């Protein structure tokens, strides 16, 4: 499913407000994902209406991205902030990030 930035923002904020409903693994039950889908439905611009499965998949992808960033930042001592991300501008840093992401993708798949 295609997600607009507004839908992603609403998804994250909704799940944040309902964080008490999450299990030990950081995942939510199907009913919470269904309620999230209902919450973001008015934001649909085009394409398929998101259901609980789309929300669950998107939440998993967001968690995976967050975990990759936190691992990159903490284990490698690299910079990350919410304004500029990793601020990868130099060729060597960009290559380092690309290799890091490639390894993470291969080890997850």
Protein backbone atom coordinates (compact mmCIF):
# COMPACT_ATOMS: atom_id res chain seq x y z
CA UNK A 1 0.00 0.00 0.00
CA UNK A 2 1.11 3.54 -0.68
CA UNK A 3 1.27 5.74 2.39
CA UNK A 4 1.16 9.51 2.50
CA UNK A 5 3.27 11.30 5.12
CA UNK A 6 0.01 12.36 6.81
CA UNK A 7 -1.15 8.75 7.11
CA UNK A 8 2.19 7.65 8.55
CA UNK A 9 2.15 10.53 11.01
CA UNK A 10 -1.41 9.67 12.11
CA UNK A 11 -0.48 5.97 12.44
CA UNK A 12 2.52 6.73 14.66
CA UNK A 13 0.62 9.21 16.82
CA UNK A 14 -2.36 6.88 17.22
CA UNK A 15 -0.21 3.92 18.24
CA UNK A 16 1.80 6.17 20.57
CA UNK A 17 -1.40 7.21 22.34
CA UNK A 18 -2.37 3.53 22.62
CA UNK A 19 1.06 2.20 23.63
CA UNK A 20 -0.45 0.50 26.71
CA UNK A 21 -2.12 -1.94 24.30
CA UNK A 22 1.18 -3.25 23.00
CA UNK A 23 2.61 -6.60 23.95
CA UNK A 24 6.08 -7.44 25.24
CA UNK A 25 7.48 -7.52 21.69
CA UNK A 26 6.29 -4.01 20.88
CA UNK A 27 3.56 -5.30 18.60
CA UNK A 28 -0.12 -4.61 18.93
CA UNK A 29 -3.09 -6.96 18.67
CA UNK A 30 -5.18 -7.12 15.52
CA UNK A 31 -7.97 -5.01 17.04
CA UNK A 32 -5.56 -2.14 17.75
CA UNK A 33 -4.30 -2.27 14.16
CA UNK A 34 -7.95 -2.31 12.95
CA UNK A 35 -8.75 0.72 15.12
CA UNK A 36 -5.69 2.48 13.72
CA UNK A 37 -6.87 1.74 10.17
CA UNK A 38 -10.26 3.24 11.02
CA UNK A 39 -8.52 6.29 12.49
CA UNK A 40 -6.45 6.99 9.36
CA UNK A 41 -9.21 6.19 6.84
CA UNK A 42 -10.33 9.87 6.52
CA UNK A 43 -6.79 10.76 5.39
CA UNK A 44 -6.96 8.53 2.31
CA UNK A 45 -6.18 10.52 -0.84
CA UNK A 46 -6.08 7.71 -3.40
CA UNK A 47 -5.54 3.99 -3.69
CA UNK A 48 -6.63 1.16 -1.48
CA UNK A 49 -8.15 1.73 1.95
CA UNK A 50 -5.70 0.46 4.57
CA UNK A 51 -6.83 -2.41 6.77
CA UNK A 52 -5.36 -3.95 9.93
CA UNK A 53 -2.86 -5.98 7.88
CA UNK A 54 -1.54 -2.90 6.04
CA UNK A 55 -1.19 -1.08 9.36
CA UNK A 56 0.62 -4.04 10.93
CA UNK A 57 3.04 -4.27 8.00
CA UNK A 58 3.73 -0.53 8.02
CA UNK A 59 4.29 -0.54 11.80
CA UNK A 60 6.74 -3.44 11.40
CA UNK A 61 8.64 -1.57 8.69
CA UNK A 62 8.80 1.58 10.81
CA UNK A 63 10.10 -0.40 13.80
CA UNK A 64 12.71 -2.08 11.61
CA UNK A 65 13.91 1.30 10.30
CA UNK A 66 13.98 2.75 13.82
CA UNK A 67 15.96 -0.24 15.14
CA UNK A 68 18.46 0.02 12.26
CA UNK A 69 18.99 3.71 13.01
CA UNK A 70 19.43 3.10 16.74
CA UNK A 71 21.89 0.27 16.12
CA UNK A 72 23.82 2.35 13.60
CA UNK A 73 23.94 5.25 16.01
CA UNK A 74 24.89 3.37 19.15
CA UNK A 75 27.23 0.62 17.96
CA UNK A 76 29.11 2.62 15.41
CA UNK A 77 29.12 5.88 17.34
CA UNK A 78 27.71 7.64 14.31
CA UNK A 79 25.69 10.83 14.38
CA UNK A 80 21.90 10.87 13.93
CA UNK A 81 19.39 13.62 14.57
CA UNK A 82 15.80 14.24 13.53
CA UNK A 83 16.69 17.22 11.36
CA UNK A 84 19.45 15.80 9.15
CA UNK A 85 19.29 12.07 9.80
CA UNK A 86 22.78 10.62 9.58
CA UNK A 87 23.90 13.75 7.71
CA UNK A 88 25.64 11.50 5.22
CA UNK A 89 27.32 13.82 2.79
CA UNK A 90 30.80 12.49 2.34
CA UNK A 91 31.31 9.60 -0.05
CA UNK A 92 32.95 7.43 2.62
CA UNK A 93 30.09 7.93 5.08
CA UNK A 94 27.51 7.20 2.38
CA UNK A 95 29.37 4.02 1.48
CA UNK A 96 29.52 3.02 5.15
CA UNK A 97 25.76 3.51 5.55
CA UNK A 98 25.03 1.58 2.33
CA UNK A 99 27.14 -1.36 3.50
CA UNK A 100 25.52 -1.27 6.95
CA UNK A 101 22.01 -1.31 5.48
CA UNK A 102 22.90 -4.10 3.03
CA UNK A 103 24.18 -6.29 5.88
CA UNK A 104 21.07 -5.59 7.98
CA UNK A 105 18.76 -6.44 5.06
CA UNK A 106 20.60 -9.68 4.33
CA UNK A 107 20.61 -10.74 7.98
CA UNK A 108 16.86 -9.98 8.35
CA UNK A 109 15.77 -11.72 5.18
